[in-house]
């Protein structure tokens, strides 16, 4: 029974913390090119406490952010796989912006990834990567 349930998994959605949902939405949508899935509350009558952002077909790279005050805040990390040609284009685009914080510049790793790591204003980190061999499923 457990093996059958395990085979039904189809997506992972990392949960990050944010000190400002508005700032998070701004950074991820305008700088990184993610799309906004939703913000709660939707009516805009009070400070937002949640958002969903995504990129890729069918929102394969989907992240949830919840608002947390400074006390108890912890940053998170995730990895996002990109298609072969899109990877280098995206890296060049982000470098060209000049105001995206890079924690790791692009580099080929011995474990078979070409990757770079950026951070947001809350200290959350995203590592974007592509496979060095065998093709990359996300390519167009």
C-alpha atoms as a PDB file:
ATOM      1  CA  UNK A   1       0.000   0.000   0.000  1.00  0.00           C
ATOM      2  CA  UNK A   2       2.727   2.536   0.946  1.00  0.00           C
ATOM      3  CA  UNK A   3       4.620   1.833  -2.283  1.00  0.00           C
ATOM      4  CA  UNK A   4       1.499   2.593  -4.326  1.00  0.00           C
ATOM      5  CA  UNK A   5       0.912   5.850  -2.457  1.00  0.00           C
ATOM      6  CA  UNK A   6       4.555   6.853  -3.018  1.00  0.00           C
ATOM      7  CA  UNK A   7       4.139   6.383  -6.755  1.00  0.00           C
ATOM      8  CA  UNK A   8       1.325   8.935  -6.815  1.00  0.00           C
ATOM      9  CA  UNK A   9       3.543  11.872  -5.740  1.00  0.00           C
ATOM     10  CA  UNK A  10       3.741  14.457  -8.530  1.00  0.00           C
ATOM     11  CA  UNK A  11       5.117  17.690  -7.044  1.00  0.00           C
ATOM     12  CA  UNK A  12       7.143  19.172  -4.184  1.00  0.00           C
ATOM     13  CA  UNK A  13       6.420  22.718  -2.995  1.00  0.00           C
ATOM     14  CA  UNK A  14       9.083  24.182  -0.683  1.00  0.00           C
ATOM     15  CA  UNK A  15       7.831  26.480   2.057  1.00  0.00           C
ATOM     16  CA  UNK A  16       9.979  29.568   2.661  1.00  0.00           C
ATOM     17  CA  UNK A  17       9.668  32.313   5.232  1.00  0.00           C
ATOM     18  CA  UNK A  18       9.460  36.009   4.382  1.00  0.00           C
ATOM     19  CA  UNK A  19       9.646  39.138   6.511  1.00  0.00           C
ATOM     20  CA  UNK A  20       7.626  41.020   3.856  1.00  0.00           C
ATOM     21  CA  UNK A  21       5.361  39.245   1.386  1.00  0.00           C
ATOM     22  CA  UNK A  22       5.083  42.409  -0.731  1.00  0.00           C
ATOM     23  CA  UNK A  23       8.891  42.633  -1.019  1.00  0.00           C
ATOM     24  CA  UNK A  24       9.110  38.898  -1.795  1.00  0.00           C
ATOM     25  CA  UNK A  25       6.503  39.150  -4.564  1.00  0.00           C
ATOM     26  CA  UNK A  26       8.277  42.178  -6.046  1.00  0.00           C
ATOM     27  CA  UNK A  27      11.702  40.488  -6.095  1.00  0.00           C
ATOM     28  CA  UNK A  28      10.613  37.109  -7.421  1.00  0.00           C
ATOM     29  CA  UNK A  29       8.280  38.468 -10.112  1.00  0.00           C
ATOM     30  CA  UNK A  30      10.178  41.529 -11.373  1.00  0.00           C
ATOM     31  CA  UNK A  31      13.795  40.425 -10.859  1.00  0.00           C
ATOM     32  CA  UNK A  32      13.679  36.640 -11.175  1.00  0.00           C
ATOM     33  CA  UNK A  33      10.791  36.315 -13.642  1.00  0.00           C
ATOM     34  CA  UNK A  34       8.574  34.070 -11.539  1.00  0.00           C
ATOM     35  CA  UNK A  35       4.804  34.371 -11.911  1.00  0.00           C
ATOM     36  CA  UNK A  36       2.496  35.162  -9.032  1.00  0.00           C
ATOM     37  CA  UNK A  37       0.120  32.328  -8.163  1.00  0.00           C
ATOM     38  CA  UNK A  38      -1.714  33.977  -5.291  1.00  0.00           C
ATOM     39  CA  UNK A  39      -1.456  36.318  -2.331  1.00  0.00           C
ATOM     40  CA  UNK A  40      -3.481  36.003   0.869  1.00  0.00           C
ATOM     41  CA  UNK A  41      -5.570  37.879   1.661  1.00  0.00           C
ATOM     42  CA  UNK A  42      -6.602  38.440  -1.930  1.00  0.00           C
ATOM     43  CA  UNK A  43      -8.656  41.568  -1.291  1.00  0.00           C
ATOM     44  CA  UNK A  44      -5.648  43.707  -0.330  1.00  0.00           C
ATOM     45  CA  UNK A  45      -7.405  45.094   2.747  1.00  0.00           C
ATOM     46  CA  UNK A  46      -4.635  44.036   5.111  1.00  0.00           C
ATOM     47  CA  UNK A  47      -0.964  43.110   5.053  1.00  0.00           C
ATOM     48  CA  UNK A  48      -0.377  39.933   3.036  1.00  0.00           C
ATOM     49  CA  UNK A  49       0.693  36.886   5.056  1.00  0.00           C
ATOM     50  CA  UNK A  50       1.165  34.327   2.246  1.00  0.00           C
ATOM     51  CA  UNK A  51       2.093  34.091  -1.415  1.00  0.00           C
ATOM     52  CA  UNK A  52       2.682  31.450  -4.038  1.00  0.00           C
ATOM     53  CA  UNK A  53       5.139  32.108  -6.874  1.00  0.00           C
ATOM     54  CA  UNK A  54       6.125  29.811  -9.710  1.00  0.00           C
ATOM     55  CA  UNK A  55       7.973  29.324 -12.997  1.00  0.00           C
ATOM     56  CA  UNK A  56       7.916  26.616 -15.645  1.00  0.00           C
ATOM     57  CA  UNK A  57       5.224  24.646 -17.401  1.00  0.00           C
ATOM     58  CA  UNK A  58       2.488  23.611 -14.999  1.00  0.00           C
ATOM     59  CA  UNK A  59       4.295  25.579 -12.271  1.00  0.00           C
ATOM     60  CA  UNK A  60       6.958  22.907 -11.824  1.00  0.00           C
ATOM     61  CA  UNK A  61       9.108  25.324  -9.776  1.00  0.00           C
ATOM     62  CA  UNK A  62       6.559  26.479  -7.210  1.00  0.00           C
ATOM     63  CA  UNK A  63       7.341  28.109  -3.864  1.00  0.00           C
ATOM     64  CA  UNK A  64       5.129  29.138  -0.974  1.00  0.00           C
ATOM     65  CA  UNK A  65       6.139  31.996   1.318  1.00  0.00           C
ATOM     66  CA  UNK A  66       4.602  32.752   4.700  1.00  0.00           C
ATOM     67  CA  UNK A  67       5.154  35.954   6.630  1.00  0.00           C
ATOM     68  CA  UNK A  68       7.212  35.573   9.773  1.00  0.00           C
ATOM     69  CA  UNK A  69       8.424  38.318  12.074  1.00  0.00           C
ATOM     70  CA  UNK A  70      12.151  38.707  12.748  1.00  0.00           C
ATOM     71  CA  UNK A  71      11.943  36.649  15.941  1.00  0.00           C
ATOM     72  CA  UNK A  72      12.131  32.997  15.031  1.00  0.00           C
ATOM     73  CA  UNK A  73      12.782  33.676  11.339  1.00  0.00           C
ATOM     74  CA  UNK A  74      14.840  31.063   9.473  1.00  0.00           C
ATOM     75  CA  UNK A  75      15.993  31.136   5.888  1.00  0.00           C
ATOM     76  CA  UNK A  76      15.645  28.205   3.474  1.00  0.00           C
ATOM     77  CA  UNK A  77      17.295  26.826   0.350  1.00  0.00           C
ATOM     78  CA  UNK A  78      16.024  25.074  -2.765  1.00  0.00           C
ATOM     79  CA  UNK A  79      17.317  24.003  -6.159  1.00  0.00           C
ATOM     80  CA  UNK A  80      15.639  24.706  -9.512  1.00  0.00           C
ATOM     81  CA  UNK A  81      16.548  22.749 -12.654  1.00  0.00           C
ATOM     82  CA  UNK A  82      16.525  24.680 -15.931  1.00  0.00           C
ATOM     83  CA  UNK A  83      16.736  23.652 -19.583  1.00  0.00           C
ATOM     84  CA  UNK A  84      20.094  23.588 -21.355  1.00  0.00           C
ATOM     85  CA  UNK A  85      20.002  26.878 -23.286  1.00  0.00           C
ATOM     86  CA  UNK A  86      17.721  28.616 -20.796  1.00  0.00           C
ATOM     87  CA  UNK A  87      20.211  28.102 -17.976  1.00  0.00           C
ATOM     88  CA  UNK A  88      22.984  30.262 -19.447  1.00  0.00           C
ATOM     89  CA  UNK A  89      20.519  32.872 -20.741  1.00  0.00           C
ATOM     90  CA  UNK A  90      18.971  33.168 -17.284  1.00  0.00           C
ATOM     91  CA  UNK A  91      22.365  33.450 -15.576  1.00  0.00           C
ATOM     92  CA  UNK A  92      23.449  36.206 -18.012  1.00  0.00           C
ATOM     93  CA  UNK A  93      20.149  38.035 -17.475  1.00  0.00           C
ATOM     94  CA  UNK A  94      20.422  37.975 -13.664  1.00  0.00           C
ATOM     95  CA  UNK A  95      24.091  39.032 -13.723  1.00  0.00           C
ATOM     96  CA  UNK A  96      23.178  41.916 -16.000  1.00  0.00           C
ATOM     97  CA  UNK A  97      20.644  43.273 -13.515  1.00  0.00           C
ATOM     98  CA  UNK A  98      23.461  44.172 -11.137  1.00  0.00           C
ATOM     99  CA  UNK A  99      21.309  44.065  -8.005  1.00  0.00           C
ATOM    100  CA  UNK A 100      20.749  40.332  -7.586  1.00  0.00           C
ATOM    101  CA  UNK A 101      22.918  38.907  -4.811  1.00  0.00           C
ATOM    102  CA  UNK A 102      25.038  35.984  -6.005  1.00  0.00           C
ATOM    103  CA  UNK A 103      26.263  33.559  -3.341  1.00  0.00           C
ATOM    104  CA  UNK A 104      27.914  31.282  -5.884  1.00  0.00           C
ATOM    105  CA  UNK A 105      28.871  32.234  -9.411  1.00  0.00           C
ATOM    106  CA  UNK A 106      28.237  29.821 -12.269  1.00  0.00           C
ATOM    107  CA  UNK A 107      30.467  26.770 -12.091  1.00  0.00           C
ATOM    108  CA  UNK A 108      30.619  23.185 -13.324  1.00  0.00           C
ATOM    109  CA  UNK A 109      30.544  20.854 -10.327  1.00  0.00           C
ATOM    110  CA  UNK A 110      32.130  17.408 -10.023  1.00  0.00           C
ATOM    111  CA  UNK A 111      28.711  15.870  -9.309  1.00  0.00           C
ATOM    112  CA  UNK A 112      27.592  16.709 -12.863  1.00  0.00           C
ATOM    113  CA  UNK A 113      25.738  20.013 -12.433  1.00  0.00           C
ATOM    114  CA  UNK A 114      26.447  23.462 -13.845  1.00  0.00           C
ATOM    115  CA  UNK A 115      25.006  25.771 -11.211  1.00  0.00           C
ATOM    116  CA  UNK A 116      24.850  29.167  -9.537  1.00  0.00           C
ATOM    117  CA  UNK A 117      23.240  30.358  -6.309  1.00  0.00           C
ATOM    118  CA  UNK A 118      21.423  33.618  -5.567  1.00  0.00           C
ATOM    119  CA  UNK A 119      19.793  35.007  -2.445  1.00  0.00           C
ATOM    120  CA  UNK A 120      16.793  37.152  -1.653  1.00  0.00           C
ATOM    121  CA  UNK A 121      16.605  39.936   0.942  1.00  0.00           C
ATOM    122  CA  UNK A 122      15.510  37.445   3.614  1.00  0.00           C
ATOM    123  CA  UNK A 123      18.550  35.214   3.137  1.00  0.00           C
ATOM    124  CA  UNK A 124      16.660  32.492   1.284  1.00  0.00           C
ATOM    125  CA  UNK A 125      18.831  30.889  -1.394  1.00  0.00           C
ATOM    126  CA  UNK A 126      17.983  29.411  -4.774  1.00  0.00           C
ATOM    127  CA  UNK A 127      20.481  27.299  -6.669  1.00  0.00           C
ATOM    128  CA  UNK A 128      19.716  27.084 -10.385  1.00  0.00           C
ATOM    129  CA  UNK A 129      21.297  24.161 -12.206  1.00  0.00           C
ATOM    130  CA  UNK A 130      21.400  22.066 -15.347  1.00  0.00           C
ATOM    131  CA  UNK A 131      22.848  18.625 -15.958  1.00  0.00           C
ATOM    132  CA  UNK A 132      26.231  18.580 -17.668  1.00  0.00           C
ATOM    133  CA  UNK A 133      25.456  15.291 -19.421  1.00  0.00           C
ATOM    134  CA  UNK A 134      22.346  13.460 -20.511  1.00  0.00           C
ATOM    135  CA  UNK A 135      20.159  16.390 -21.494  1.00  0.00           C
ATOM    136  CA  UNK A 136      17.851  18.573 -19.457  1.00  0.00           C
ATOM    137  CA  UNK A 137      14.127  17.866 -19.459  1.00  0.00           C
ATOM    138  CA  UNK A 138      13.151  21.552 -19.214  1.00  0.00           C
ATOM    139  CA  UNK A 139      14.665  22.568 -22.528  1.00  0.00           C
ATOM    140  CA  UNK A 140      12.366  23.895 -25.242  1.00  0.00           C
END
